[in-house]
PDB file of N, CA and C in Angstrom:
ATOM      1  N   GLN A   1       0.870  -1.325   0.230  1.00  0.00           N
ATOM      2  CA  GLN A   1      -0.170   0.072  -0.031  1.00  0.00           C
ATOM      3  C   GLN A   1       0.966   1.249  -0.208  1.00  0.00           C
ATOM      4  N   VAL A   2       0.218   2.218  -0.906  1.00  0.00           N
ATOM      5  CA  VAL A   2       1.434   3.336  -0.925  1.00  0.00           C
ATOM      6  C   VAL A   2       0.177   4.691  -0.509  1.00  0.00           C
ATOM      7  N   GLN A   3       0.723   5.636   0.432  1.00  0.00           N
ATOM      8  CA  GLN A   3      -0.194   6.631   0.386  1.00  0.00           C
ATOM      9  C   GLN A   3       0.960   7.881   0.082  1.00  0.00           C
ATOM     10  N   LEU A   4      -0.199   8.672  -0.527  1.00  0.00           N
ATOM     11  CA  LEU A   4       0.335   9.949  -1.500  1.00  0.00           C
ATOM     12  C   LEU A   4      -0.166  11.094  -0.652  1.00  0.00           C
ATOM     13  N   VAL A   5       0.323  12.158  -0.276  1.00  0.00           N
ATOM     14  CA  VAL A   5       0.089  13.413   0.205  1.00  0.00           C
ATOM     15  C   VAL A   5       0.855  14.508  -0.350  1.00  0.00           C
ATOM     16  N   GLU A   6      -0.239  15.408  -0.995  1.00  0.00           N
ATOM     17  CA  GLU A   6       0.548  16.941  -1.977  1.00  0.00           C
ATOM     18  C   GLU A   6       0.121  17.858  -0.914  1.00  0.00           C
ATOM     19  N   SER A   7       0.799  18.756  -1.261  1.00  0.00           N
ATOM     20  CA  SER A   7       1.209  19.787  -0.399  1.00  0.00           C
ATOM     21  C   SER A   7       1.484  20.978  -1.250  1.00  0.00           C
ATOM     22  N   GLY A   8       1.183  22.241  -0.791  1.00  0.00           N
ATOM     23  CA  GLY A   8       1.669  23.461  -1.545  1.00  0.00           C
ATOM     24  C   GLY A   8       1.160  24.311  -2.499  1.00  0.00           C
ATOM     25  N   GLY A   9      -0.075  23.451  -2.730  1.00  0.00           N
ATOM     26  CA  GLY A   9      -1.134  24.740  -3.924  1.00  0.00           C
ATOM     27  C   GLY A   9      -1.354  25.822  -2.785  1.00  0.00           C
ATOM     28  N   GLY A  10      -2.113  26.615  -3.931  1.00  0.00           N
ATOM     29  CA  GLY A  10      -2.457  28.139  -3.056  1.00  0.00           C
ATOM     30  C   GLY A  10      -3.136  28.784  -4.326  1.00  0.00           C
ATOM     31  N   LEU A  11      -2.935  30.322  -4.085  1.00  0.00           N
ATOM     32  CA  LEU A  11      -3.345  31.335  -5.105  1.00  0.00           C
ATOM     33  C   LEU A  11      -2.141  32.301  -5.244  1.00  0.00           C
ATOM     34  N   VAL A  12      -1.810  32.308  -6.570  1.00  0.00           N
ATOM     35  CA  VAL A  12      -0.678  32.917  -7.123  1.00  0.00           C
ATOM     36  C   VAL A  12      -1.433  33.631  -8.552  1.00  0.00           C
ATOM     37  N   GLN A  13      -0.652  35.253  -8.960  1.00  0.00           N
ATOM     38  CA  GLN A  13      -1.085  35.648 -10.108  1.00  0.00           C
ATOM     39  C   GLN A  13      -0.411  35.019 -11.539  1.00  0.00           C
ATOM     40  N   ALA A  14      -0.959  35.225 -12.518  1.00  0.00           N
ATOM     41  CA  ALA A  14      -0.532  34.686 -13.443  1.00  0.00           C
ATOM     42  C   ALA A  14       0.990  35.551 -13.681  1.00  0.00           C
ATOM     43  N   GLY A  15       1.622  34.585 -14.285  1.00  0.00           N
ATOM     44  CA  GLY A  15       3.128  35.076 -14.612  1.00  0.00           C
ATOM     45  C   GLY A  15       4.063  34.671 -12.907  1.00  0.00           C
ATOM     46  N   GLY A  16       3.260  34.230 -11.970  1.00  0.00           N
ATOM     47  CA  GLY A  16       3.826  33.603 -10.892  1.00  0.00           C
ATOM     48  C   GLY A  16       4.247  32.116 -10.902  1.00  0.00           C
ATOM     49  N   SER A  17       5.136  31.933  -9.528  1.00  0.00           N
ATOM     50  CA  SER A  17       5.576  30.657  -9.631  1.00  0.00           C
ATOM     51  C   SER A  17       4.864  30.105  -8.567  1.00  0.00           C
ATOM     52  N   LEU A  18       5.006  28.628  -8.364  1.00  0.00           N
ATOM     53  CA  LEU A  18       4.416  27.717  -7.052  1.00  0.00           C
ATOM     54  C   LEU A  18       5.129  26.589  -7.319  1.00  0.00           C
ATOM     55  N   LYS A  19       5.161  26.119  -5.916  1.00  0.00           N
ATOM     56  CA  LYS A  19       5.938  24.801  -6.166  1.00  0.00           C
ATOM     57  C   LYS A  19       5.105  23.943  -5.236  1.00  0.00           C
ATOM     58  N   VAL A  20       4.834  22.835  -5.942  1.00  0.00           N
ATOM     59  CA  VAL A  20       3.525  22.018  -4.943  1.00  0.00           C
ATOM     60  C   VAL A  20       4.831  20.649  -4.882  1.00  0.00           C
ATOM     61  N   SER A  21       4.099  19.635  -3.842  1.00  0.00           N
ATOM     62  CA  SER A  21       5.086  18.556  -3.547  1.00  0.00           C
ATOM     63  C   SER A  21       4.262  17.569  -3.165  1.00  0.00           C
ATOM     64  N   CYS A  22       4.584  16.310  -2.988  1.00  0.00           N
ATOM     65  CA  CYS A  22       3.807  14.999  -2.865  1.00  0.00           C
ATOM     66  C   CYS A  22       4.949  14.015  -2.024  1.00  0.00           C
ATOM     67  N   VAL A  23       4.327  13.738  -1.070  1.00  0.00           N
ATOM     68  CA  VAL A  23       5.292  12.623  -0.250  1.00  0.00           C
ATOM     69  C   VAL A  23       4.648  11.284  -0.221  1.00  0.00           C
ATOM     70  N   SER A  24       5.518  10.466  -0.449  1.00  0.00           N
ATOM     71  CA  SER A  24       4.603   9.016  -0.315  1.00  0.00           C
ATOM     72  C   SER A  24       5.755   8.307   0.896  1.00  0.00           C
ATOM     73  N   SER A  25       4.694   7.485   1.174  1.00  0.00           N
ATOM     74  CA  SER A  25       4.698   6.484   2.515  1.00  0.00           C
ATOM     75  C   SER A  25       4.502   5.066   1.855  1.00  0.00           C
ATOM     76  N   GLY A  26       4.876   4.211   2.629  1.00  0.00           N
ATOM     77  CA  GLY A  26       4.360   2.692   2.698  1.00  0.00           C
ATOM     78  C   GLY A  26       4.938   1.872   2.007  1.00  0.00           C
ATOM     79  N   ARG A  27       5.393   2.036   0.867  1.00  0.00           N
ATOM     80  CA  ARG A  27       6.613   1.184   0.139  1.00  0.00           C
ATOM     81  C   ARG A  27       7.580   1.841  -0.579  1.00  0.00           C
ATOM     82  N   PRO A  28       8.796   1.244  -0.806  1.00  0.00           N
ATOM     83  CA  PRO A  28       9.740   1.637  -1.541  1.00  0.00           C
ATOM     84  C   PRO A  28       9.219   2.818  -2.551  1.00  0.00           C
ATOM     85  N   PHE A  29       9.721   4.022  -2.640  1.00  0.00           N
ATOM     86  CA  PHE A  29       9.370   5.409  -3.120  1.00  0.00           C
ATOM     87  C   PHE A  29      10.385   4.735  -4.787  1.00  0.00           C
ATOM     88  N   SER A  30      11.705   4.511  -4.438  1.00  0.00           N
ATOM     89  CA  SER A  30      12.418   4.285  -5.452  1.00  0.00           C
ATOM     90  C   SER A  30      11.542   3.892  -6.782  1.00  0.00           C
ATOM     91  N   HIS A  31      11.210   2.347  -6.615  1.00  0.00           N
ATOM     92  CA  HIS A  31      10.486   1.920  -7.558  1.00  0.00           C
ATOM     93  C   HIS A  31       9.235   2.195  -8.028  1.00  0.00           C
ATOM     94  N   TYR A  32       8.753   3.237  -7.791  1.00  0.00           N
ATOM     95  CA  TYR A  32       7.505   3.900  -8.701  1.00  0.00           C
ATOM     96  C   TYR A  32       8.286   5.222  -9.522  1.00  0.00           C
ATOM     97  N   THR A  33       7.636   4.906 -10.627  1.00  0.00           N
ATOM     98  CA  THR A  33       7.797   6.380 -11.382  1.00  0.00           C
ATOM     99  C   THR A  33       6.283   7.247 -10.804  1.00  0.00           C
ATOM    100  N   MET A  34       7.213   8.362 -10.675  1.00  0.00           N
ATOM    101  CA  MET A  34       6.040   9.310 -10.095  1.00  0.00           C
ATOM    102  C   MET A  34       5.806  10.374 -11.541  1.00  0.00           C
ATOM    103  N   GLY A  35       4.011  10.592 -11.167  1.00  0.00           N
ATOM    104  CA  GLY A  35       3.295  11.717 -12.381  1.00  0.00           C
ATOM    105  C   GLY A  35       2.601  12.554 -11.820  1.00  0.00           C
ATOM    106  N   TRP A  36       2.656  13.305 -12.311  1.00  0.00           N
ATOM    107  CA  TRP A  36       1.724  14.595 -11.725  1.00  0.00           C
ATOM    108  C   TRP A  36       0.396  14.890 -12.742  1.00  0.00           C
ATOM    109  N   PHE A  37      -0.960  14.996 -12.417  1.00  0.00           N
ATOM    110  CA  PHE A  37      -2.062  15.150 -13.535  1.00  0.00           C
ATOM    111  C   PHE A  37      -2.555  16.192 -12.759  1.00  0.00           C
ATOM    112  N   ARG A  38      -3.710  16.747 -13.360  1.00  0.00           N
ATOM    113  CA  ARG A  38      -4.490  17.816 -13.037  1.00  0.00           C
ATOM    114  C   ARG A  38      -6.052  17.798 -13.451  1.00  0.00           C
ATOM    115  N   GLN A  39      -6.607  18.532 -12.692  1.00  0.00           N
ATOM    116  CA  GLN A  39      -8.152  18.430 -13.276  1.00  0.00           C
ATOM    117  C   GLN A  39      -8.679  19.895 -12.984  1.00  0.00           C
ATOM    118  N   ALA A  40      -9.424  20.473 -13.734  1.00  0.00           N
ATOM    119  CA  ALA A  40      -9.963  21.804 -13.985  1.00  0.00           C
ATOM    120  C   ALA A  40     -11.474  21.415 -13.944  1.00  0.00           C
ATOM    121  N   PRO A  41     -12.537  21.954 -12.733  1.00  0.00           N
ATOM    122  CA  PRO A  41     -13.791  21.776 -13.036  1.00  0.00           C
ATOM    123  C   PRO A  41     -14.126  21.526 -14.456  1.00  0.00           C
ATOM    124  N   GLY A  42     -15.091  20.756 -14.468  1.00  0.00           N
ATOM    125  CA  GLY A  42     -15.690  20.123 -15.570  1.00  0.00           C
ATOM    126  C   GLY A  42     -15.065  19.884 -16.719  1.00  0.00           C
ATOM    127  N   LYS A  43     -13.738  19.593 -16.693  1.00  0.00           N
ATOM    128  CA  LYS A  43     -12.778  18.914 -17.600  1.00  0.00           C
ATOM    129  C   LYS A  43     -12.450  17.638 -16.881  1.00  0.00           C
ATOM    130  N   GLU A  44     -11.894  16.537 -17.970  1.00  0.00           N
ATOM    131  CA  GLU A  44     -11.126  15.425 -17.646  1.00  0.00           C
ATOM    132  C   GLU A  44      -9.736  15.792 -16.989  1.00  0.00           C
ATOM    133  N   ARG A  45      -9.290  14.884 -16.106  1.00  0.00           N
ATOM    134  CA  ARG A  45      -8.295  14.648 -15.622  1.00  0.00           C
ATOM    135  C   ARG A  45      -6.906  14.752 -16.944  1.00  0.00           C
ATOM    136  N   GLU A  46      -6.184  15.076 -16.333  1.00  0.00           N
ATOM    137  CA  GLU A  46      -4.961  15.126 -17.996  1.00  0.00           C
ATOM    138  C   GLU A  46      -3.701  15.295 -16.864  1.00  0.00           C
ATOM    139  N   PHE A  47      -2.805  14.660 -18.205  1.00  0.00           N
ATOM    140  CA  PHE A  47      -1.283  14.578 -17.704  1.00  0.00           C
ATOM    141  C   PHE A  47      -0.634  15.477 -17.607  1.00  0.00           C
ATOM    142  N   VAL A  48      -0.009  16.023 -16.871  1.00  0.00           N
ATOM    143  CA  VAL A  48       0.939  16.987 -16.504  1.00  0.00           C
ATOM    144  C   VAL A  48       2.337  16.594 -17.018  1.00  0.00           C
ATOM    145  N   ALA A  49       3.058  15.747 -16.011  1.00  0.00           N
ATOM    146  CA  ALA A  49       4.610  15.651 -16.024  1.00  0.00           C
ATOM    147  C   ALA A  49       4.715  14.415 -15.574  1.00  0.00           C
ATOM    148  N   ALA A  50       5.848  13.323 -15.741  1.00  0.00           N
ATOM    149  CA  ALA A  50       6.308  12.194 -15.088  1.00  0.00           C
ATOM    150  C   ALA A  50       7.606  12.361 -14.731  1.00  0.00           C
ATOM    151  N   ILE A  51       8.486  11.469 -13.890  1.00  0.00           N
ATOM    152  CA  ILE A  51       9.237  11.393 -13.598  1.00  0.00           C
ATOM    153  C   ILE A  51       9.960   9.686 -13.593  1.00  0.00           C
ATOM    154  N   ASN A  52      10.729   9.212 -14.215  1.00  0.00           N
ATOM    155  CA  ASN A  52      10.819   7.531 -14.379  1.00  0.00           C
ATOM    156  C   ASN A  52      11.356   7.248 -13.321  1.00  0.00           C
ATOM    157  N   TRP A  53      11.178   5.767 -12.884  1.00  0.00           N
ATOM    158  CA  TRP A  53      11.617   5.534 -11.464  1.00  0.00           C
ATOM    159  C   TRP A  53      12.998   5.350 -11.457  1.00  0.00           C
ATOM    160  N   ARG A  54      13.597   4.773 -12.544  1.00  0.00           N
ATOM    161  CA  ARG A  54      15.105   4.110 -12.669  1.00  0.00           C
ATOM    162  C   ARG A  54      15.795   5.095 -13.502  1.00  0.00           C
ATOM    163  N   SER A  55      15.548   5.487 -14.431  1.00  0.00           N
ATOM    164  CA  SER A  55      16.143   6.547 -15.554  1.00  0.00           C
ATOM    165  C   SER A  55      16.307   7.952 -14.977  1.00  0.00           C
ATOM    166  N   GLY A  56      15.327   8.505 -14.165  1.00  0.00           N
ATOM    167  CA  GLY A  56      15.314   9.912 -13.750  1.00  0.00           C
ATOM    168  C   GLY A  56      14.513  10.812 -15.272  1.00  0.00           C
ATOM    169  N   SER A  57      14.404   9.665 -16.242  1.00  0.00           N
ATOM    170  CA  SER A  57      13.713  10.762 -17.537  1.00  0.00           C
ATOM    171  C   SER A  57      12.666  11.799 -17.088  1.00  0.00           C
ATOM    172  N   THR A  58      12.804  12.682 -17.403  1.00  0.00           N
ATOM    173  CA  THR A  58      11.331  13.336 -17.333  1.00  0.00           C
ATOM    174  C   THR A  58      10.683  13.456 -18.832  1.00  0.00           C
ATOM    175  N   TYR A  59       9.089  13.523 -18.443  1.00  0.00           N
ATOM    176  CA  TYR A  59       8.275  13.837 -19.433  1.00  0.00           C
ATOM    177  C   TYR A  59       7.315  14.925 -19.172  1.00  0.00           C
ATOM    178  N   TYR A  60       6.697  15.676 -20.157  1.00  0.00           N
ATOM    179  CA  TYR A  60       5.872  16.874 -19.869  1.00  0.00           C
ATOM    180  C   TYR A  60       4.740  17.153 -20.868  1.00  0.00           C
ATOM    181  N   ALA A  61       3.616  17.199 -20.776  1.00  0.00           N
ATOM    182  CA  ALA A  61       2.437  17.709 -21.838  1.00  0.00           C
ATOM    183  C   ALA A  61       3.067  18.605 -22.161  1.00  0.00           C
ATOM    184  N   ASP A  62       2.623  18.848 -23.472  1.00  0.00           N
ATOM    185  CA  ASP A  62       3.070  20.216 -24.292  1.00  0.00           C
ATOM    186  C   ASP A  62       2.601  21.273 -23.708  1.00  0.00           C
ATOM    187  N   SER A  63       1.541  21.272 -22.957  1.00  0.00           N
ATOM    188  CA  SER A  63       0.987  22.788 -22.213  1.00  0.00           C
ATOM    189  C   SER A  63       1.817  23.359 -21.369  1.00  0.00           C
ATOM    190  N   VAL A  64       2.710  22.434 -20.753  1.00  0.00           N
ATOM    191  CA  VAL A  64       3.643  23.130 -19.569  1.00  0.00           C
ATOM    192  C   VAL A  64       4.939  22.895 -19.984  1.00  0.00           C
ATOM    193  N   LYS A  65       5.366  22.462 -20.965  1.00  0.00           N
ATOM    194  CA  LYS A  65       6.778  22.106 -21.166  1.00  0.00           C
ATOM    195  C   LYS A  65       7.400  23.589 -21.191  1.00  0.00           C
ATOM    196  N   GLY A  66       8.915  23.888 -20.779  1.00  0.00           N
ATOM    197  CA  GLY A  66       9.531  24.772 -20.483  1.00  0.00           C
ATOM    198  C   GLY A  66       8.780  25.901 -19.436  1.00  0.00           C
ATOM    199  N   ARG A  67       7.575  25.278 -18.924  1.00  0.00           N
ATOM    200  CA  ARG A  67       7.292  26.267 -17.575  1.00  0.00           C
ATOM    201  C   ARG A  67       7.395  25.582 -16.530  1.00  0.00           C
ATOM    202  N   PHE A  68       7.052  24.122 -16.529  1.00  0.00           N
ATOM    203  CA  PHE A  68       7.206  23.251 -15.526  1.00  0.00           C
ATOM    204  C   PHE A  68       8.475  22.508 -15.074  1.00  0.00           C
ATOM    205  N   ALA A  69       8.833  21.961 -14.399  1.00  0.00           N
ATOM    206  CA  ALA A  69       9.795  21.092 -13.995  1.00  0.00           C
ATOM    207  C   ALA A  69       9.447  20.169 -12.751  1.00  0.00           C
ATOM    208  N   ILE A  70       9.341  18.716 -12.901  1.00  0.00           N
ATOM    209  CA  ILE A  70       9.226  17.821 -12.000  1.00  0.00           C
ATOM    210  C   ILE A  70      10.537  17.192 -11.899  1.00  0.00           C
ATOM    211  N   SER A  71      10.778  16.939 -10.570  1.00  0.00           N
ATOM    212  CA  SER A  71      11.970  16.321  -9.729  1.00  0.00           C
ATOM    213  C   SER A  71      11.567  15.721  -8.801  1.00  0.00           C
ATOM    214  N   ARG A  72      12.670  14.553  -8.485  1.00  0.00           N
ATOM    215  CA  ARG A  72      12.555  13.842  -7.125  1.00  0.00           C
ATOM    216  C   ARG A  72      13.670  13.687  -6.128  1.00  0.00           C
ATOM    217  N   ASP A  73      13.177  13.463  -4.926  1.00  0.00           N
ATOM    218  CA  ASP A  73      14.123  13.049  -3.958  1.00  0.00           C
ATOM    219  C   ASP A  73      13.896  11.687  -3.089  1.00  0.00           C
ATOM    220  N   ASN A  74      14.801  10.828  -3.619  1.00  0.00           N
ATOM    221  CA  ASN A  74      14.094   9.918  -2.825  1.00  0.00           C
ATOM    222  C   ASN A  74      14.655   9.368  -1.454  1.00  0.00           C
ATOM    223  N   ALA A  75      15.862  10.104  -0.862  1.00  0.00           N
ATOM    224  CA  ALA A  75      16.192  10.099   0.311  1.00  0.00           C
ATOM    225  C   ALA A  75      14.675  10.648   1.042  1.00  0.00           C
ATOM    226  N   LYS A  76      14.085  11.372   0.730  1.00  0.00           N
ATOM    227  CA  LYS A  76      12.731  12.582   1.570  1.00  0.00           C
ATOM    228  C   LYS A  76      11.401  11.790   0.643  1.00  0.00           C
ATOM    229  N   ASN A  77      11.557  10.803  -0.205  1.00  0.00           N
ATOM    230  CA  ASN A  77      10.356  10.399  -0.531  1.00  0.00           C
ATOM    231  C   ASN A  77       9.118  10.875  -1.294  1.00  0.00           C
ATOM    232  N   THR A  78       9.693  11.967  -1.955  1.00  0.00           N
ATOM    233  CA  THR A  78       9.067  13.235  -1.947  1.00  0.00           C
ATOM    234  C   THR A  78       9.334  13.221  -3.756  1.00  0.00           C
ATOM    235  N   VAL A  79       8.323  13.801  -4.129  1.00  0.00           N
ATOM    236  CA  VAL A  79       7.938  14.406  -5.564  1.00  0.00           C
ATOM    237  C   VAL A  79       7.969  15.837  -5.762  1.00  0.00           C
ATOM    238  N   TYR A  80       8.342  16.696  -6.552  1.00  0.00           N
ATOM    239  CA  TYR A  80       7.834  18.372  -6.473  1.00  0.00           C
ATOM    240  C   TYR A  80       7.670  18.258  -8.182  1.00  0.00           C
ATOM    241  N   LEU A  81       6.591  19.097  -8.233  1.00  0.00           N
ATOM    242  CA  LEU A  81       6.484  20.116  -9.375  1.00  0.00           C
ATOM    243  C   LEU A  81       6.949  21.435  -9.519  1.00  0.00           C
ATOM    244  N   GLN A  82       7.560  22.263 -10.052  1.00  0.00           N
ATOM    245  CA  GLN A  82       8.139  23.549  -9.795  1.00  0.00           C
ATOM    246  C   GLN A  82       7.282  23.891 -10.978  1.00  0.00           C
ATOM    247  N   MET A  83       6.409  24.950 -10.632  1.00  0.00           N
ATOM    248  CA  MET A  83       5.312  25.662 -11.917  1.00  0.00           C
ATOM    249  C   MET A  83       5.822  27.465 -11.995  1.00  0.00           C
ATOM    250  N   ASN A  84       6.240  27.484 -13.169  1.00  0.00           N
ATOM    251  CA  ASN A  84       6.629  28.822 -13.538  1.00  0.00           C
ATOM    252  C   ASN A  84       5.877  29.656 -14.655  1.00  0.00           C
ATOM    253  N   SER A  85       5.736  30.846 -14.649  1.00  0.00           N
ATOM    254  CA  SER A  85       5.398  31.581 -15.825  1.00  0.00           C
ATOM    255  C   SER A  85       3.898  30.737 -15.861  1.00  0.00           C
ATOM    256  N   LEU A  86       3.051  30.981 -15.199  1.00  0.00           N
ATOM    257  CA  LEU A  86       1.680  30.206 -14.337  1.00  0.00           C
ATOM    258  C   LEU A  86       0.899  31.238 -15.315  1.00  0.00           C
ATOM    259  N   LYS A  87      -0.087  30.249 -16.044  1.00  0.00           N
ATOM    260  CA  LYS A  87      -1.367  30.936 -16.233  1.00  0.00           C
ATOM    261  C   LYS A  87      -2.879  30.759 -15.569  1.00  0.00           C
ATOM    262  N   PRO A  88      -3.804  31.494 -16.064  1.00  0.00           N
ATOM    263  CA  PRO A  88      -5.109  31.199 -15.516  1.00  0.00           C
ATOM    264  C   PRO A  88      -5.609  29.684 -16.215  1.00  0.00           C
ATOM    265  N   GLU A  89      -5.317  29.351 -17.331  1.00  0.00           N
ATOM    266  CA  GLU A  89      -5.683  28.134 -17.449  1.00  0.00           C
ATOM    267  C   GLU A  89      -4.827  26.774 -16.847  1.00  0.00           C
ATOM    268  N   ASP A  90      -3.949  27.371 -15.900  1.00  0.00           N
ATOM    269  CA  ASP A  90      -3.264  26.367 -15.208  1.00  0.00           C
ATOM    270  C   ASP A  90      -4.096  25.653 -13.723  1.00  0.00           C
ATOM    271  N   THR A  91      -5.151  26.879 -13.855  1.00  0.00           N
ATOM    272  CA  THR A  91      -5.645  26.400 -12.622  1.00  0.00           C
ATOM    273  C   THR A  91      -6.520  24.927 -12.421  1.00  0.00           C
ATOM    274  N   ALA A  92      -6.417  24.219 -11.529  1.00  0.00           N
ATOM    275  CA  ALA A  92      -6.865  23.105 -11.533  1.00  0.00           C
ATOM    276  C   ALA A  92      -6.372  22.413 -10.008  1.00  0.00           C
ATOM    277  N   VAL A  93      -7.101  21.546  -9.816  1.00  0.00           N
ATOM    278  CA  VAL A  93      -6.484  20.308  -8.421  1.00  0.00           C
ATOM    279  C   VAL A  93      -5.280  19.362  -9.035  1.00  0.00           C
ATOM    280  N   TYR A  94      -4.465  19.668  -8.644  1.00  0.00           N
ATOM    281  CA  TYR A  94      -3.317  18.717  -8.988  1.00  0.00           C
ATOM    282  C   TYR A  94      -3.091  17.417  -8.116  1.00  0.00           C
ATOM    283  N   TYR A  95      -2.673  16.275  -8.964  1.00  0.00           N
ATOM    284  CA  TYR A  95      -2.962  15.320  -7.979  1.00  0.00           C
ATOM    285  C   TYR A  95      -1.220  14.937  -8.345  1.00  0.00           C
ATOM    286  N   CYS A  96      -0.755  13.947  -7.398  1.00  0.00           N
ATOM    287  CA  CYS A  96       0.207  13.482  -7.489  1.00  0.00           C
ATOM    288  C   CYS A  96       0.001  11.594  -7.770  1.00  0.00           C
ATOM    289  N   ALA A  97       0.645  11.106  -8.598  1.00  0.00           N
ATOM    290  CA  ALA A  97       0.398   9.314  -8.382  1.00  0.00           C
ATOM    291  C   ALA A  97       1.724   8.770  -8.589  1.00  0.00           C
ATOM    292  N   ALA A  98       1.456   7.220  -8.540  1.00  0.00           N
ATOM    293  CA  ALA A  98       2.458   6.160  -8.092  1.00  0.00           C
ATOM    294  C   ALA A  98       2.084   5.283  -9.341  1.00  0.00           C
ATOM    295  N   ALA A  99       3.146   4.797 -10.345  1.00  0.00           N
ATOM    296  CA  ALA A  99       3.302   4.024 -11.316  1.00  0.00           C
ATOM    297  C   ALA A  99       4.419   2.853 -10.931  1.00  0.00           C
ATOM    298  N   TYR A 100       3.987   1.620 -10.569  1.00  0.00           N
ATOM    299  CA  TYR A 100       5.506   0.794  -9.954  1.00  0.00           C
ATOM    300  C   TYR A 100       5.987   0.134 -11.204  1.00  0.00           C
ATOM    301  N   ARG A 101       6.985   0.819 -11.360  1.00  0.00           N
ATOM    302  CA  ARG A 101       8.176  -0.056 -12.628  1.00  0.00           C
ATOM    303  C   ARG A 101       7.794   0.149 -13.914  1.00  0.00           C
ATOM    304  N   SER A 102       7.046   1.633 -14.286  1.00  0.00           N
ATOM    305  CA  SER A 102       6.556   1.679 -15.232  1.00  0.00           C
ATOM    306  C   SER A 102       6.721   3.297 -16.218  1.00  0.00           C
ATOM    307  N   THR A 103       6.864   3.052 -17.135  1.00  0.00           N
ATOM    308  CA  THR A 103       7.190   4.498 -17.954  1.00  0.00           C
ATOM    309  C   THR A 103       6.083   5.524 -17.632  1.00  0.00           C
ATOM    310  N   GLY A 104       5.012   5.684 -16.699  1.00  0.00           N
ATOM    311  CA  GLY A 104       4.022   6.272 -16.128  1.00  0.00           C
ATOM    312  C   GLY A 104       3.510   7.475 -17.217  1.00  0.00           C
ATOM    313  N   LEU A 105       3.818   6.871 -19.029  1.00  0.00           N
ATOM    314  CA  LEU A 105       2.984   7.903 -19.584  1.00  0.00           C
ATOM    315  C   LEU A 105       1.614   7.440 -19.998  1.00  0.00           C
ATOM    316  N   ALA A 106       1.263   6.550 -18.882  1.00  0.00           N
ATOM    317  CA  ALA A 106      -0.606   6.286 -19.568  1.00  0.00           C
ATOM    318  C   ALA A 106      -1.182   6.393 -18.045  1.00  0.00           C
ATOM    319  N   GLU A 107      -1.756   6.820 -18.111  1.00  0.00           N
ATOM    320  CA  GLU A 107      -2.632   7.119 -16.847  1.00  0.00           C
ATOM    321  C   GLU A 107      -3.167   5.488 -16.200  1.00  0.00           C
ATOM    322  N   ALA A 108      -3.285   4.980 -16.956  1.00  0.00           N
ATOM    323  CA  ALA A 108      -4.095   3.147 -16.243  1.00  0.00           C
ATOM    324  C   ALA A 108      -2.595   2.695 -16.111  1.00  0.00           C
ATOM    325  N   GLN A 109      -1.432   3.123 -15.760  1.00  0.00           N
ATOM    326  CA  GLN A 109      -0.174   2.730 -15.253  1.00  0.00           C
ATOM    327  C   GLN A 109      -0.151   3.245 -13.902  1.00  0.00           C
ATOM    328  N   TYR A 110      -0.816   3.966 -13.276  1.00  0.00           N
ATOM    329  CA  TYR A 110      -0.438   4.512 -12.189  1.00  0.00           C
ATOM    330  C   TYR A 110      -1.760   3.645 -11.189  1.00  0.00           C
ATOM    331  N   ASP A 111      -0.753   3.464  -9.831  1.00  0.00           N
ATOM    332  CA  ASP A 111      -1.560   2.406  -9.026  1.00  0.00           C
ATOM    333  C   ASP A 111      -2.037   3.366  -7.655  1.00  0.00           C
ATOM    334  N   TYR A 112      -1.408   4.364  -7.800  1.00  0.00           N
ATOM    335  CA  TYR A 112      -1.872   4.730  -6.270  1.00  0.00           C
ATOM    336  C   TYR A 112      -1.894   6.301  -6.559  1.00  0.00           C
ATOM    337  N   TRP A 113      -3.055   7.357  -6.119  1.00  0.00           N
ATOM    338  CA  TRP A 113      -3.490   8.474  -5.945  1.00  0.00           C
ATOM    339  C   TRP A 113      -3.445   9.462  -4.784  1.00  0.00           C
ATOM    340  N   GLY A 114      -2.900  10.603  -5.152  1.00  0.00           N
ATOM    341  CA  GLY A 114      -2.825  11.433  -3.754  1.00  0.00           C
ATOM    342  C   GLY A 114      -4.262  11.997  -3.892  1.00  0.00           C
ATOM    343  N   GLN A 115      -4.518  13.223  -2.750  1.00  0.00           N
ATOM    344  CA  GLN A 115      -5.873  13.544  -2.606  1.00  0.00           C
ATOM    345  C   GLN A 115      -6.058  14.858  -3.401  1.00  0.00           C
ATOM    346  N   GLY A 116      -4.955  15.436  -3.753  1.00  0.00           N
ATOM    347  CA  GLY A 116      -5.030  16.660  -4.783  1.00  0.00           C
ATOM    348  C   GLY A 116      -4.874  18.174  -4.020  1.00  0.00           C
ATOM    349  N   THR A 117      -4.170  18.750  -4.485  1.00  0.00           N
ATOM    350  CA  THR A 117      -3.864  20.175  -4.083  1.00  0.00           C
ATOM    351  C   THR A 117      -4.463  21.496  -4.957  1.00  0.00           C
ATOM    352  N   GLN A 118      -5.028  22.248  -4.890  1.00  0.00           N
ATOM    353  CA  GLN A 118      -5.401  23.221  -5.229  1.00  0.00           C
ATOM    354  C   GLN A 118      -4.655  24.316  -5.644  1.00  0.00           C
ATOM    355  N   VAL A 119      -4.517  24.407  -7.057  1.00  0.00           N
ATOM    356  CA  VAL A 119      -3.738  25.782  -7.765  1.00  0.00           C
ATOM    357  C   VAL A 119      -4.545  26.580  -8.268  1.00  0.00           C
ATOM    358  N   THR A 120      -4.529  27.806  -7.813  1.00  0.00           N
ATOM    359  CA  THR A 120      -5.573  28.656  -8.735  1.00  0.00           C
ATOM    360  C   THR A 120      -4.676  30.154  -9.124  1.00  0.00           C
ATOM    361  N   VAL A 121      -4.708  30.353 -10.381  1.00  0.00           N
ATOM    362  CA  VAL A 121      -4.262  31.442 -10.674  1.00  0.00           C
ATOM    363  C   VAL A 121      -4.976  32.289 -11.256  1.00  0.00           C
ATOM    364  N   SER A 122      -4.769  33.682 -10.683  1.00  0.00           N
ATOM    365  CA  SER A 122      -5.446  34.516 -11.264  1.00  0.00           C
ATOM    366  C   SER A 122      -5.167  35.649 -11.936  1.00  0.00           C
ATOM    367  N   SER A 123      -5.876  36.007 -13.010  1.00  0.00           N
ATOM    368  CA  SER A 123      -5.167  36.895 -13.753  1.00  0.00           C
ATOM    369  C   SER A 123      -4.978  38.338 -13.639  1.00  0.00           C
TER     370      SER A 123
END
């Protein structure tokens, strides 16, 4: 069993930055590809970013590439999402998720999900 808890969400002005975190517990963190997803009201959940469990390779949705950066600290069992140059359309609940020894490029690969943290970007 894996528990994921996100934190760091909040209200920020367009053009600003925010860093959200997700701490994992229950099973060895290093064996999981970690991903970030987001869901805005009335919209489907969408992939944002992922970081591979073994290689450390990162992947980003086109909508955030160049603005967001995913990273992980295995010693702290934590994955981060640094969000820069935020836009109102980035407003959503952000979820972290864990995929056991997977690429994490498909939502179906994720076994565990956090409760989400709200990010609101004002214009």
